[in-house]
Amino acid sequence: MLEKREKQCLCRQCPTYKECSPGEESFVFCTIGRSDCITREIECLCSTCPFAAEFGLKNKFYCTRGAEKQQLLLETIQVRKEWIE
């Protein structure tokens, strides 16, 4: 399964990803979460990624903001925080 994800992944082609490479060896950030190397959001290709489309992923900038589930959790926490305030 991981090999299939790696083949579909567009991370290595992304302008934001290229800020770190060749030192960065990680990709499929929508699954594994944020990069330790990438710090700036330049441009995002996540919405055009075949893997993201296949699995119905809705977010972007996974390399800086975290995996799909991480972003959904943070959005939920923010909404609940707003309810309380």
PDB file of N, CA and C in Angstrom:
ATOM      1  N   MET A   1       0.820  -1.197   0.000  1.00  0.00           N
ATOM      2  CA  MET A   1       0.000   0.000   0.000  1.00  0.00           C
ATOM      3  C   MET A   1       0.866   1.263   0.000  1.00  0.00           C
ATOM      4  N   LEU A   2       1.940   1.263   0.784  1.00  0.00           N
ATOM      5  CA  LEU A   2       2.815   2.429   0.852  1.00  0.00           C
ATOM      6  C   LEU A   2       3.455   2.718  -0.503  1.00  0.00           C
ATOM      7  N   GLU A   3       3.834   1.672  -1.235  1.00  0.00           N
ATOM      8  CA  GLU A   3       4.432   1.873  -2.557  1.00  0.00           C
ATOM      9  C   GLU A   3       3.454   2.571  -3.494  1.00  0.00           C
ATOM     10  N   LYS A   4       2.182   2.184  -3.435  1.00  0.00           N
ATOM     11  CA  LYS A   4       1.159   2.821  -4.268  1.00  0.00           C
ATOM     12  C   LYS A   4       1.036   4.296  -3.902  1.00  0.00           C
ATOM     13  N   ARG A   5       1.043   4.602  -2.616  1.00  0.00           N
ATOM     14  CA  ARG A   5       0.948   5.993  -2.169  1.00  0.00           C
ATOM     15  C   ARG A   5       2.144   6.799  -2.664  1.00  0.00           C
ATOM     16  N   GLU A   6       3.325   6.212  -2.565  1.00  0.00           N
ATOM     17  CA  GLU A   6       4.533   6.904  -3.000  1.00  0.00           C
ATOM     18  C   GLU A   6       4.473   7.239  -4.486  1.00  0.00           C
ATOM     19  N   LYS A   7       3.954   6.336  -5.299  1.00  0.00           N
ATOM     20  CA  LYS A   7       3.867   6.554  -6.742  1.00  0.00           C
ATOM     21  C   LYS A   7       2.862   7.651  -7.080  1.00  0.00           C
ATOM     22  N   GLN A   8       1.779   7.752  -6.326  1.00  0.00           N
ATOM     23  CA  GLN A   8       0.751   8.759  -6.576  1.00  0.00           C
ATOM     24  C   GLN A   8       1.126  10.131  -6.021  1.00  0.00           C
ATOM     25  N   CYS A   9       1.991  10.166  -5.057  1.00  0.00           N
ATOM     26  CA  CYS A   9       2.313  11.380  -4.307  1.00  0.00           C
ATOM     27  C   CYS A   9       2.975  12.450  -5.184  1.00  0.00           C
ATOM     28  N   LEU A  10       2.498  13.686  -5.050  1.00  0.00           N
ATOM     29  CA  LEU A  10       3.059  14.823  -5.784  1.00  0.00           C
ATOM     30  C   LEU A  10       4.008  15.671  -4.936  1.00  0.00           C
ATOM     31  N   CYS A  11       4.230  15.297  -3.695  1.00  0.00           N
ATOM     32  CA  CYS A  11       5.024  16.128  -2.783  1.00  0.00           C
ATOM     33  C   CYS A  11       6.374  16.537  -3.377  1.00  0.00           C
ATOM     34  N   ARG A  12       7.066  15.617  -4.002  1.00  0.00           N
ATOM     35  CA  ARG A  12       8.408  15.921  -4.516  1.00  0.00           C
ATOM     36  C   ARG A  12       8.390  16.975  -5.623  1.00  0.00           C
ATOM     37  N   GLN A  13       7.251  17.172  -6.264  1.00  0.00           N
ATOM     38  CA  GLN A  13       7.135  18.156  -7.345  1.00  0.00           C
ATOM     39  C   GLN A  13       6.682  19.527  -6.831  1.00  0.00           C
ATOM     40  N   CYS A  14       6.274  19.595  -5.597  1.00  0.00           N
ATOM     41  CA  CYS A  14       5.672  20.802  -5.029  1.00  0.00           C
ATOM     42  C   CYS A  14       6.727  21.879  -4.731  1.00  0.00           C
ATOM     43  N   PRO A  15       6.452  23.149  -5.076  1.00  0.00           N
ATOM     44  CA  PRO A  15       7.379  24.240  -4.760  1.00  0.00           C
ATOM     45  C   PRO A  15       7.670  24.362  -3.261  1.00  0.00           C
ATOM     46  N   THR A  16       6.696  24.111  -2.419  1.00  0.00           N
ATOM     47  CA  THR A  16       6.910  24.176  -0.976  1.00  0.00           C
ATOM     48  C   THR A  16       7.869  23.084  -0.528  1.00  0.00           C
ATOM     49  N   TYR A  17       7.716  21.881  -1.066  1.00  0.00           N
ATOM     50  CA  TYR A  17       8.580  20.752  -0.720  1.00  0.00           C
ATOM     51  C   TYR A  17      10.015  21.015  -1.142  1.00  0.00           C
ATOM     52  N   LYS A  18      10.192  21.611  -2.297  1.00  0.00           N
ATOM     53  CA  LYS A  18      11.529  21.811  -2.856  1.00  0.00           C
ATOM     54  C   LYS A  18      12.389  22.734  -2.010  1.00  0.00           C
ATOM     55  N   GLU A  19      11.780  23.460  -1.094  1.00  0.00           N
ATOM     56  CA  GLU A  19      12.542  24.316  -0.188  1.00  0.00           C
ATOM     57  C   GLU A  19      13.528  23.485   0.628  1.00  0.00           C
ATOM     58  N   CYS A  20      13.173  22.268   0.962  1.00  0.00           N
ATOM     59  CA  CYS A  20      13.996  21.416   1.814  1.00  0.00           C
ATOM     60  C   CYS A  20      14.837  20.403   1.060  1.00  0.00           C
ATOM     61  N   SER A  21      14.329  19.895  -0.004  1.00  0.00           N
ATOM     62  CA  SER A  21      15.037  18.823  -0.674  1.00  0.00           C
ATOM     63  C   SER A  21      16.390  19.315  -1.164  1.00  0.00           C
ATOM     64  N   PRO A  22      17.406  18.488  -1.293  1.00  0.00           N
ATOM     65  CA  PRO A  22      17.339  17.037  -1.235  1.00  0.00           C
ATOM     66  C   PRO A  22      17.427  16.455   0.174  1.00  0.00           C
ATOM     67  N   GLY A  23      17.603  17.286   1.193  1.00  0.00           N
ATOM     68  CA  GLY A  23      17.714  16.781   2.556  1.00  0.00           C
ATOM     69  C   GLY A  23      16.458  16.106   3.069  1.00  0.00           C
ATOM     70  N   GLU A  24      15.316  16.536   2.590  1.00  0.00           N
ATOM     71  CA  GLU A  24      14.035  15.962   3.019  1.00  0.00           C
ATOM     72  C   GLU A  24      13.784  14.676   2.251  1.00  0.00           C
ATOM     73  N   GLU A  25      13.566  13.608   2.957  1.00  0.00           N
ATOM     74  CA  GLU A  25      13.293  12.321   2.323  1.00  0.00           C
ATOM     75  C   GLU A  25      11.853  11.888   2.535  1.00  0.00           C
ATOM     76  N   SER A  26      11.102  12.633   3.297  1.00  0.00           N
ATOM     77  CA  SER A  26       9.716  12.268   3.586  1.00  0.00           C
ATOM     78  C   SER A  26       8.784  12.820   2.524  1.00  0.00           C
ATOM     79  N   PHE A  27       7.642  12.191   2.401  1.00  0.00           N
ATOM     80  CA  PHE A  27       6.580  12.659   1.536  1.00  0.00           C
ATOM     81  C   PHE A  27       5.308  11.983   1.983  1.00  0.00           C
ATOM     82  N   VAL A  28       4.230  12.107   1.244  1.00  0.00           N
ATOM     83  CA  VAL A  28       2.903  11.620   1.631  1.00  0.00           C
ATOM     84  C   VAL A  28       2.529  12.255   2.983  1.00  0.00           C
ATOM     85  N   PHE A  29       2.743  13.557   3.068  1.00  0.00           N
ATOM     86  CA  PHE A  29       2.492  14.286   4.309  1.00  0.00           C
ATOM     87  C   PHE A  29       1.026  14.245   4.724  1.00  0.00           C
ATOM     88  N   CYS A  30       0.128  14.032   3.761  1.00  0.00           N
ATOM     89  CA  CYS A  30      -1.296  13.937   4.100  1.00  0.00           C
ATOM     90  C   CYS A  30      -1.568  12.740   5.000  1.00  0.00           C
ATOM     91  N   THR A  31      -0.636  11.798   5.018  1.00  0.00           N
ATOM     92  CA  THR A  31      -0.754  10.611   5.857  1.00  0.00           C
ATOM     93  C   THR A  31       0.146  10.682   7.086  1.00  0.00           C
ATOM     94  N   ILE A  32       1.400  11.120   6.886  1.00  0.00           N
ATOM     95  CA  ILE A  32       2.372  11.065   7.983  1.00  0.00           C
ATOM     96  C   ILE A  32       2.426  12.332   8.827  1.00  0.00           C
ATOM     97  N   GLY A  33       1.903  13.440   8.312  1.00  0.00           N
ATOM     98  CA  GLY A  33       1.924  14.685   9.072  1.00  0.00           C
ATOM     99  C   GLY A  33       3.010  15.637   8.621  1.00  0.00           C
ATOM    100  N   ARG A  34       3.243  16.664   9.414  1.00  0.00           N
ATOM    101  CA  ARG A  34       4.149  17.752   9.054  1.00  0.00           C
ATOM    102  C   ARG A  34       5.584  17.307   8.838  1.00  0.00           C
ATOM    103  N   SER A  35       6.262  18.108   8.035  1.00  0.00           N
ATOM    104  CA  SER A  35       7.689  17.929   7.785  1.00  0.00           C
ATOM    105  C   SER A  35       8.482  18.620   8.890  1.00  0.00           C
ATOM    106  N   ASP A  36       9.618  18.052   9.243  1.00  0.00           N
ATOM    107  CA  ASP A  36      10.511  18.695  10.207  1.00  0.00           C
ATOM    108  C   ASP A  36      11.338  19.793   9.541  1.00  0.00           C
ATOM    109  N   CYS A  37      11.385  19.760   8.222  1.00  0.00           N
ATOM    110  CA  CYS A  37      12.243  20.666   7.468  1.00  0.00           C
ATOM    111  C   CYS A  37      11.490  21.845   6.860  1.00  0.00           C
ATOM    112  N   ILE A  38      10.310  21.611   6.332  1.00  0.00           N
ATOM    113  CA  ILE A  38       9.571  22.639   5.603  1.00  0.00           C
ATOM    114  C   ILE A  38       8.950  23.629   6.590  1.00  0.00           C
ATOM    115  N   THR A  39       9.249  24.908   6.380  1.00  0.00           N
ATOM    116  CA  THR A  39       8.748  25.926   7.302  1.00  0.00           C
ATOM    117  C   THR A  39       7.895  26.989   6.619  1.00  0.00           C
ATOM    118  N   ARG A  40       8.041  27.140   5.297  1.00  0.00           N
ATOM    119  CA  ARG A  40       7.284  28.170   4.570  1.00  0.00           C
ATOM    120  C   ARG A  40       6.285  27.526   3.621  1.00  0.00           C
ATOM    121  N   GLU A  41       5.130  28.145   3.484  1.00  0.00           N
ATOM    122  CA  GLU A  41       4.120  27.699   2.530  1.00  0.00           C
ATOM    123  C   GLU A  41       4.253  28.556   1.276  1.00  0.00           C
ATOM    124  N   ILE A  42       4.752  27.958   0.207  1.00  0.00           N
ATOM    125  CA  ILE A  42       4.981  28.689  -1.035  1.00  0.00           C
ATOM    126  C   ILE A  42       3.811  28.489  -1.991  1.00  0.00           C
ATOM    127  N   GLU A  43       3.546  27.260  -2.339  1.00  0.00           N
ATOM    128  CA  GLU A  43       2.443  26.889  -3.219  1.00  0.00           C
ATOM    129  C   GLU A  43       2.070  25.462  -2.871  1.00  0.00           C
ATOM    130  N   CYS A  44       0.807  25.097  -3.036  1.00  0.00           N
ATOM    131  CA  CYS A  44       0.347  23.770  -2.633  1.00  0.00           C
ATOM    132  C   CYS A  44      -0.241  23.012  -3.822  1.00  0.00           C
ATOM    133  N   LEU A  45       0.229  21.785  -4.018  1.00  0.00           N
ATOM    134  CA  LEU A  45      -0.287  20.912  -5.075  1.00  0.00           C
ATOM    135  C   LEU A  45      -1.230  19.846  -4.522  1.00  0.00           C
ATOM    136  N   CYS A  46      -1.493  19.877  -3.232  1.00  0.00           N
ATOM    137  CA  CYS A  46      -2.293  18.817  -2.599  1.00  0.00           C
ATOM    138  C   CYS A  46      -3.651  18.605  -3.275  1.00  0.00           C
ATOM    139  N   SER A  47      -4.284  19.674  -3.701  1.00  0.00           N
ATOM    140  CA  SER A  47      -5.618  19.535  -4.299  1.00  0.00           C
ATOM    141  C   SER A  47      -5.586  18.842  -5.657  1.00  0.00           C
ATOM    142  N   THR A  48      -4.408  18.735  -6.263  1.00  0.00           N
ATOM    143  CA  THR A  48      -4.278  18.052  -7.549  1.00  0.00           C
ATOM    144  C   THR A  48      -3.697  16.649  -7.413  1.00  0.00           C
ATOM    145  N   CYS A  49      -3.423  16.228  -6.206  1.00  0.00           N
ATOM    146  CA  CYS A  49      -2.783  14.936  -5.952  1.00  0.00           C
ATOM    147  C   CYS A  49      -3.761  13.776  -6.171  1.00  0.00           C
ATOM    148  N   PRO A  50      -3.393  12.780  -6.984  1.00  0.00           N
ATOM    149  CA  PRO A  50      -4.275  11.630  -7.209  1.00  0.00           C
ATOM    150  C   PRO A  50      -4.584  10.869  -5.919  1.00  0.00           C
ATOM    151  N   PHE A  51      -3.617  10.774  -5.032  1.00  0.00           N
ATOM    152  CA  PHE A  51      -3.823  10.073  -3.762  1.00  0.00           C
ATOM    153  C   PHE A  51      -4.868  10.798  -2.924  1.00  0.00           C
ATOM    154  N   ALA A  52      -4.733  12.111  -2.814  1.00  0.00           N
ATOM    155  CA  ALA A  52      -5.691  12.905  -2.035  1.00  0.00           C
ATOM    156  C   ALA A  52      -7.090  12.786  -2.621  1.00  0.00           C
ATOM    157  N   ALA A  53      -7.181  12.808  -3.936  1.00  0.00           N
ATOM    158  CA  ALA A  53      -8.489  12.689  -4.593  1.00  0.00           C
ATOM    159  C   ALA A  53      -9.102  11.312  -4.356  1.00  0.00           C
ATOM    160  N   GLU A  54      -8.291  10.273  -4.457  1.00  0.00           N
ATOM    161  CA  GLU A  54      -8.783   8.903  -4.267  1.00  0.00           C
ATOM    162  C   GLU A  54      -9.372   8.701  -2.880  1.00  0.00           C
ATOM    163  N   PHE A  55      -8.767   9.318  -1.887  1.00  0.00           N
ATOM    164  CA  PHE A  55      -9.212   9.125  -0.509  1.00  0.00           C
ATOM    165  C   PHE A  55     -10.098  10.261   0.001  1.00  0.00           C
ATOM    166  N   GLY A  56     -10.456  11.201  -0.877  1.00  0.00           N
ATOM    167  CA  GLY A  56     -11.383  12.263  -0.503  1.00  0.00           C
ATOM    168  C   GLY A  56     -10.826  13.252   0.504  1.00  0.00           C
ATOM    169  N   LEU A  57      -9.525  13.489   0.461  1.00  0.00           N
ATOM    170  CA  LEU A  57      -8.915  14.428   1.396  1.00  0.00           C
ATOM    171  C   LEU A  57      -9.289  15.852   1.010  1.00  0.00           C
ATOM    172  N   LYS A  58      -9.573  16.679   1.987  1.00  0.00           N
ATOM    173  CA  LYS A  58     -10.114  18.020   1.748  1.00  0.00           C
ATOM    174  C   LYS A  58      -9.147  19.158   2.063  1.00  0.00           C
ATOM    175  N   ASN A  59      -8.158  18.928   2.894  1.00  0.00           N
ATOM    176  CA  ASN A  59      -7.271  19.998   3.331  1.00  0.00           C
ATOM    177  C   ASN A  59      -6.102  20.177   2.376  1.00  0.00           C
ATOM    178  N   LYS A  60      -5.162  21.044   2.750  1.00  0.00           N
ATOM    179  CA  LYS A  60      -3.960  21.271   1.947  1.00  0.00           C
ATOM    180  C   LYS A  60      -2.812  21.662   2.865  1.00  0.00           C
ATOM    181  N   PHE A  61      -1.658  21.855   2.289  1.00  0.00           N
ATOM    182  CA  PHE A  61      -0.438  22.168   3.030  1.00  0.00           C
ATOM    183  C   PHE A  61      -0.200  21.172   4.163  1.00  0.00           C
ATOM    184  N   TYR A  62      -0.329  19.895   3.850  1.00  0.00           N
ATOM    185  CA  TYR A  62      -0.109  18.844   4.848  1.00  0.00           C
ATOM    186  C   TYR A  62       1.323  18.879   5.381  1.00  0.00           C
ATOM    187  N   CYS A  63       2.262  19.318   4.549  1.00  0.00           N
ATOM    188  CA  CYS A  63       3.662  19.336   4.955  1.00  0.00           C
ATOM    189  C   CYS A  63       3.935  20.353   6.063  1.00  0.00           C
ATOM    190  N   THR A  64       3.104  21.384   6.175  1.00  0.00           N
ATOM    191  CA  THR A  64       3.310  22.391   7.220  1.00  0.00           C
ATOM    192  C   THR A  64       2.209  22.403   8.275  1.00  0.00           C
ATOM    193  N   ARG A  65       1.020  21.911   7.921  1.00  0.00           N
ATOM    194  CA  ARG A  65      -0.127  21.985   8.837  1.00  0.00           C
ATOM    195  C   ARG A  65      -0.507  20.650   9.456  1.00  0.00           C
ATOM    196  N   GLY A  66       0.068  19.565   8.956  1.00  0.00           N
ATOM    197  CA  GLY A  66      -0.228  18.247   9.507  1.00  0.00           C
ATOM    198  C   GLY A  66      -1.117  17.416   8.593  1.00  0.00           C
ATOM    199  N   ALA A  67      -1.211  16.142   8.912  1.00  0.00           N
ATOM    200  CA  ALA A  67      -2.000  15.184   8.140  1.00  0.00           C
ATOM    201  C   ALA A  67      -3.479  15.563   8.158  1.00  0.00           C
ATOM    202  N   GLU A  68      -4.243  14.963   7.283  1.00  0.00           N
ATOM    203  CA  GLU A  68      -5.684  15.243   7.180  1.00  0.00           C
ATOM    204  C   GLU A  68      -6.368  15.141   8.542  1.00  0.00           C
ATOM    205  N   LYS A  69      -6.135  14.042   9.252  1.00  0.00           N
ATOM    206  CA  LYS A  69      -6.789  13.851  10.557  1.00  0.00           C
ATOM    207  C   LYS A  69      -6.337  14.895  11.570  1.00  0.00           C
ATOM    208  N   GLN A  70      -5.069  15.264  11.531  1.00  0.00           N
ATOM    209  CA  GLN A  70      -4.569  16.284  12.448  1.00  0.00           C
ATOM    210  C   GLN A  70      -5.257  17.624  12.195  1.00  0.00           C
ATOM    211  N   GLN A  71      -5.390  17.985  10.927  1.00  0.00           N
ATOM    212  CA  GLN A  71      -6.039  19.252  10.593  1.00  0.00           C
ATOM    213  C   GLN A  71      -7.515  19.242  10.970  1.00  0.00           C
ATOM    214  N   LEU A  72      -8.184  18.129  10.742  1.00  0.00           N
ATOM    215  CA  LEU A  72      -9.597  18.023  11.124  1.00  0.00           C
ATOM    216  C   LEU A  72      -9.769  18.167  12.630  1.00  0.00           C
ATOM    217  N   LEU A  73      -8.873  17.561  13.391  1.00  0.00           N
ATOM    218  CA  LEU A  73      -8.926  17.666  14.846  1.00  0.00           C
ATOM    219  C   LEU A  73      -8.723  19.114  15.289  1.00  0.00           C
ATOM    220  N   LEU A  74      -7.739  19.783  14.713  1.00  0.00           N
ATOM    221  CA  LEU A  74      -7.489  21.182  15.071  1.00  0.00           C
ATOM    222  C   LEU A  74      -8.670  22.075  14.709  1.00  0.00           C
ATOM    223  N   GLU A  75      -9.301  21.810  13.557  1.00  0.00           N
ATOM    224  CA  GLU A  75     -10.487  22.576  13.172  1.00  0.00           C
ATOM    225  C   GLU A  75     -11.624  22.354  14.168  1.00  0.00           C
ATOM    226  N   THR A  76     -11.806  21.126  14.612  1.00  0.00           N
ATOM    227  CA  THR A  76     -12.851  20.801  15.583  1.00  0.00           C
ATOM    228  C   THR A  76     -12.596  21.506  16.909  1.00  0.00           C
ATOM    229  N   ILE A  77     -11.357  21.482  17.352  1.00  0.00           N
ATOM    230  CA  ILE A  77     -10.995  22.151  18.604  1.00  0.00           C
ATOM    231  C   ILE A  77     -11.261  23.651  18.492  1.00  0.00           C
ATOM    232  N   GLN A  78     -10.913  24.245  17.362  1.00  0.00           N
ATOM    233  CA  GLN A  78     -11.130  25.681  17.166  1.00  0.00           C
ATOM    234  C   GLN A  78     -12.617  26.016  17.195  1.00  0.00           C
ATOM    235  N   VAL A  79     -13.435  25.217  16.535  1.00  0.00           N
ATOM    236  CA  VAL A  79     -14.886  25.449  16.524  1.00  0.00           C
ATOM    237  C   VAL A  79     -15.444  25.351  17.935  1.00  0.00           C
ATOM    238  N   ARG A  80     -15.033  24.349  18.670  1.00  0.00           N
ATOM    239  CA  ARG A  80     -15.525  24.193  20.045  1.00  0.00           C
ATOM    240  C   ARG A  80     -15.070  25.348  20.926  1.00  0.00           C
ATOM    241  N   LYS A  81     -13.851  25.807  20.704  1.00  0.00           N
ATOM    242  CA  LYS A  81     -13.345  26.941  21.465  1.00  0.00           C
ATOM    243  C   LYS A  81     -14.210  28.175  21.196  1.00  0.00           C
ATOM    244  N   GLU A  82     -14.600  28.363  19.936  1.00  0.00           N
ATOM    245  CA  GLU A  82     -15.446  29.503  19.577  1.00  0.00           C
ATOM    246  C   GLU A  82     -16.832  29.379  20.205  1.00  0.00           C
ATOM    247  N   TRP A  83     -17.343  28.160  20.347  1.00  0.00           N
ATOM    248  CA  TRP A  83     -18.645  27.959  20.987  1.00  0.00           C
ATOM    249  C   TRP A  83     -18.607  28.423  22.440  1.00  0.00           C
ATOM    250  N   ILE A  84     -17.494  28.165  23.098  1.00  0.00           N
ATOM    251  CA  ILE A  84     -17.349  28.472  24.523  1.00  0.00           C
ATOM    252  C   ILE A  84     -17.210  29.979  24.742  1.00  0.00           C
ATOM    253  N   GLU A  85     -16.518  30.643  23.849  1.00  0.00           N
ATOM    254  CA  GLU A  85     -16.238  32.081  24.030  1.00  0.00           C
ATOM    255  C   GLU A  85     -17.434  32.924  23.846  1.00  0.00           C
TER     256      GLU A  85
END
